[in-house]
Amino acid sequence: MSKPTAPLKGRAARLARLMPSTGPSTAARTPFVLLVVLLLGGGLITLLLLNSALNEGSFRLSELKRDTTELTDEQQALQRDVDGRSQPDALERRARELGMVPGGSPAFLGPDGTVRGKPTRATAPPPSPSPSPTPSADATADPDAPAPGPSASLSGSVPAPDPAAVPSAQDSPTPTSPGR
């Protein structure tokens, strides 16, 4: 049982005529609610996609940092190896293993064809007493490694001549260093 309402008078009556008397309309709120729900859902999906992309980038960055660390370690090890092999005593030892001897006095050719200096033949110093190789050392040697011999040269050194293959000093030309 509804209570009868008193009739409105004056200004209130005019305002009541402007307003619908059926009560608040739910049909006008439905599109707004759907819009808000769609915006919230779209925002959450976008946030999820951004988060996934950031995580993927983070994993890739970790992998690249690990690879960089491994490659830096390898580069440092190779640099230590190069530094060890390029020390003067290591170069001299390797050259002697290859049968090289220190060069003699160099001679230089001038632009006009004149010879400056007196060239001398490189000769091997007297061999230092070293232990003779054991047969087991020869058995473990690398068969693909180049055999030491007079065919290699290192930084302008002249290989030791084989006495049986070298003609007399008057018949052979005197070696000279390249002019620089």
Protein backbone atom coordinates (compact mmCIF):
# COMPACT_ATOMS: atom_id res chain seq x y z
CA MET A 1 0.00 0.00 0.00
CA SER A 2 1.55 3.12 -1.09
CA LYS A 3 1.05 6.32 0.70
CA PRO A 4 -0.59 8.99 -1.35
CA THR A 5 1.69 11.88 -2.02
CA ALA A 6 0.57 15.39 -1.53
CA PRO A 7 0.20 17.39 -4.66
CA LEU A 8 3.14 19.67 -5.33
CA LYS A 9 2.61 23.33 -5.59
CA GLY A 10 4.43 26.18 -7.24
CA ARG A 11 8.01 25.74 -8.23
CA ALA A 12 8.24 22.11 -7.15
CA ALA A 13 5.31 21.24 -9.42
CA ARG A 14 7.04 22.77 -12.40
CA LEU A 15 10.26 20.83 -11.68
CA ALA A 16 8.29 17.61 -11.24
CA ARG A 17 6.78 18.02 -14.67
CA LEU A 18 10.26 18.27 -16.21
CA MET A 19 11.50 15.09 -14.53
CA PRO A 20 10.09 11.71 -15.54
CA SER A 21 8.00 10.18 -12.83
CA THR A 22 8.92 6.54 -13.58
CA GLY A 23 12.04 6.59 -11.35
CA PRO A 24 15.71 6.22 -12.16
CA SER A 25 16.33 4.65 -15.56
CA THR A 26 18.71 1.66 -15.69
CA ALA A 27 18.80 1.68 -19.49
CA ALA A 28 21.00 4.82 -19.54
CA ARG A 29 23.59 3.26 -17.17
CA THR A 30 24.16 0.03 -19.16
CA PRO A 31 26.37 1.46 -21.94
CA PHE A 32 28.47 3.35 -19.39
CA VAL A 33 29.02 0.20 -17.28
CA LEU A 34 29.95 -1.80 -20.40
CA LEU A 35 32.40 0.93 -21.45
CA VAL A 36 34.09 0.95 -18.04
CA VAL A 37 34.35 -2.88 -17.99
CA LEU A 38 35.81 -2.95 -21.51
CA LEU A 39 38.35 -0.25 -20.64
CA LEU A 40 39.43 -2.07 -17.48
CA GLY A 41 39.69 -5.42 -19.31
CA GLY A 42 41.66 -3.87 -22.19
CA GLY A 43 44.00 -2.17 -19.71
CA LEU A 44 44.64 -5.43 -17.87
CA ILE A 45 45.33 -7.33 -21.11
CA THR A 46 47.68 -4.57 -22.29
CA LEU A 47 49.47 -4.63 -18.93
CA LEU A 48 49.84 -8.42 -19.18
CA LEU A 49 51.31 -8.18 -22.70
CA LEU A 50 53.76 -5.44 -21.65
CA ASN A 51 54.85 -7.47 -18.64
CA SER A 52 55.43 -10.54 -20.83
CA ALA A 53 57.50 -8.51 -23.31
CA LEU A 54 59.60 -7.05 -20.49
CA ASN A 55 60.24 -10.51 -19.03
CA GLU A 56 61.29 -11.85 -22.44
CA GLY A 57 63.68 -8.91 -22.85
CA SER A 58 65.07 -9.55 -19.38
CA PHE A 59 65.79 -13.20 -20.19
CA ARG A 60 67.48 -12.19 -23.45
CA LEU A 61 69.57 -9.60 -21.61
CA SER A 62 70.69 -12.20 -19.04
CA GLU A 63 71.66 -14.59 -21.83
CA LEU A 64 73.64 -11.89 -23.66
CA LYS A 65 75.44 -10.88 -20.44
CA ARG A 66 76.42 -14.52 -19.85
CA ASP A 67 77.67 -14.85 -23.43
CA THR A 68 79.62 -11.60 -23.09
CA THR A 69 81.27 -12.86 -19.90
CA GLU A 70 82.25 -16.16 -21.54
CA LEU A 71 83.64 -14.42 -24.63
CA THR A 72 85.57 -11.92 -22.48
CA ASP A 73 87.12 -14.78 -20.50
CA GLU A 74 88.08 -16.56 -23.73
CA GLN A 75 89.56 -13.36 -25.19
CA GLN A 76 91.63 -12.78 -22.05
CA ALA A 77 92.93 -16.37 -22.12
CA LEU A 78 93.91 -16.02 -25.79
CA GLN A 79 95.61 -12.68 -25.05
CA ARG A 80 97.62 -14.31 -22.23
CA ASP A 81 98.64 -17.07 -24.65
CA VAL A 82 99.73 -14.54 -27.29
CA ASP A 83 101.63 -12.51 -24.69
CA GLY A 84 103.41 -15.64 -23.46
CA ARG A 85 104.41 -16.69 -26.97
CA SER A 86 105.59 -13.23 -28.01
CA GLN A 87 108.10 -12.76 -25.19
CA PRO A 88 111.66 -12.55 -26.51
CA ASP A 89 112.91 -15.68 -24.75
CA ALA A 90 109.93 -17.71 -26.02
CA LEU A 91 110.49 -16.45 -29.58
CA GLU A 92 114.20 -17.27 -29.39
CA ARG A 93 113.51 -20.77 -28.04
CA ARG A 94 110.96 -21.46 -30.78
CA ALA A 95 113.32 -20.13 -33.46
CA ARG A 96 116.12 -22.40 -32.24
CA GLU A 97 113.70 -25.35 -32.28
CA LEU A 98 113.05 -24.53 -35.94
CA GLY A 99 116.79 -24.50 -36.66
CA MET A 100 117.19 -20.74 -36.98
CA VAL A 101 120.29 -18.84 -35.91
CA PRO A 102 120.80 -15.15 -35.16
CA GLY A 103 121.49 -13.10 -38.28
CA GLY A 104 124.94 -11.73 -39.07
CA SER A 105 125.77 -8.09 -39.76
CA PRO A 106 123.18 -6.65 -42.12
CA ALA A 107 123.92 -4.81 -45.31
CA PHE A 108 121.58 -2.21 -46.78
CA LEU A 109 121.04 -1.20 -50.37
CA GLY A 110 120.68 2.50 -51.02
CA PRO A 111 118.25 3.93 -53.59
CA ASP A 112 121.13 4.41 -56.02
CA GLY A 113 122.21 0.75 -55.71
CA THR A 114 125.13 1.24 -53.32
CA VAL A 115 125.72 -1.29 -50.59
CA ARG A 116 126.04 0.14 -47.10
CA GLY A 117 127.68 -2.06 -44.49
CA LYS A 118 129.53 -5.31 -44.81
CA PRO A 119 127.26 -8.37 -44.87
CA THR A 120 128.37 -11.48 -43.04
CA ARG A 121 126.98 -14.99 -43.06
CA ALA A 122 124.82 -16.04 -40.16
CA THR A 123 126.45 -18.83 -38.22
CA ALA A 124 125.11 -20.99 -35.49
CA PRO A 125 126.64 -20.45 -32.05
CA PRO A 126 128.17 -23.52 -30.46
CA PRO A 127 125.39 -25.81 -29.27
CA SER A 128 124.63 -25.62 -25.58
CA PRO A 129 124.69 -28.91 -23.71
CA SER A 130 121.14 -30.15 -23.60
CA PRO A 131 119.74 -33.52 -22.59
CA SER A 132 119.28 -35.86 -25.51
CA PRO A 133 115.67 -36.62 -26.40
CA THR A 134 114.31 -39.86 -25.12
CA PRO A 135 112.61 -42.33 -27.48
CA SER A 136 109.30 -41.87 -25.61
CA ALA A 137 109.38 -38.12 -26.37
CA ASP A 138 109.65 -38.89 -30.10
CA ALA A 139 106.76 -41.36 -29.87
CA THR A 140 104.47 -38.74 -28.30
CA ALA A 141 105.36 -35.99 -30.77
CA ASP A 142 102.57 -34.68 -33.00
CA PRO A 143 102.99 -36.32 -36.44
CA ASP A 144 101.24 -33.35 -38.13
CA ALA A 145 103.57 -30.76 -36.57
CA PRO A 146 106.13 -29.24 -38.92
CA ALA A 147 109.54 -30.78 -38.54
CA PRO A 148 112.24 -28.40 -37.35
CA GLY A 149 114.54 -27.53 -40.17
CA PRO A 150 116.09 -24.78 -42.18
CA SER A 151 112.95 -24.06 -44.23
CA ALA A 152 111.37 -21.64 -41.70
CA SER A 153 112.40 -18.09 -40.98
CA LEU A 154 111.56 -15.68 -38.20
CA SER A 155 111.85 -11.89 -38.28
CA GLY A 156 114.64 -11.71 -40.84
CA SER A 157 116.84 -14.47 -39.37
CA VAL A 158 118.59 -16.69 -41.86
CA PRO A 159 118.26 -20.46 -41.29
CA ALA A 160 121.38 -22.42 -40.48
CA PRO A 161 122.96 -23.78 -43.66
CA ASP A 162 123.36 -27.49 -44.14
CA PRO A 163 127.17 -27.95 -44.56
CA ALA A 164 126.77 -30.77 -47.09
CA ALA A 165 124.36 -28.80 -49.31
CA VAL A 166 126.14 -25.41 -49.24
CA PRO A 167 128.70 -24.73 -51.99
CA SER A 168 131.96 -23.02 -51.14
CA ALA A 169 131.87 -19.41 -49.91
CA GLN A 170 133.27 -18.08 -53.21
CA ASP A 171 130.45 -19.63 -55.31
CA SER A 172 127.44 -18.56 -53.21
CA PRO A 173 126.02 -15.04 -52.87
CA THR A 174 126.21 -13.37 -49.50
CA PRO A 175 122.80 -13.00 -47.79
CA THR A 176 121.66 -9.48 -46.94
CA SER A 177 118.84 -8.11 -44.86
CA PRO A 178 115.98 -6.43 -46.70
CA GLY A 179 116.34 -2.65 -46.82
CA ARG A 180 113.81 -0.73 -44.80
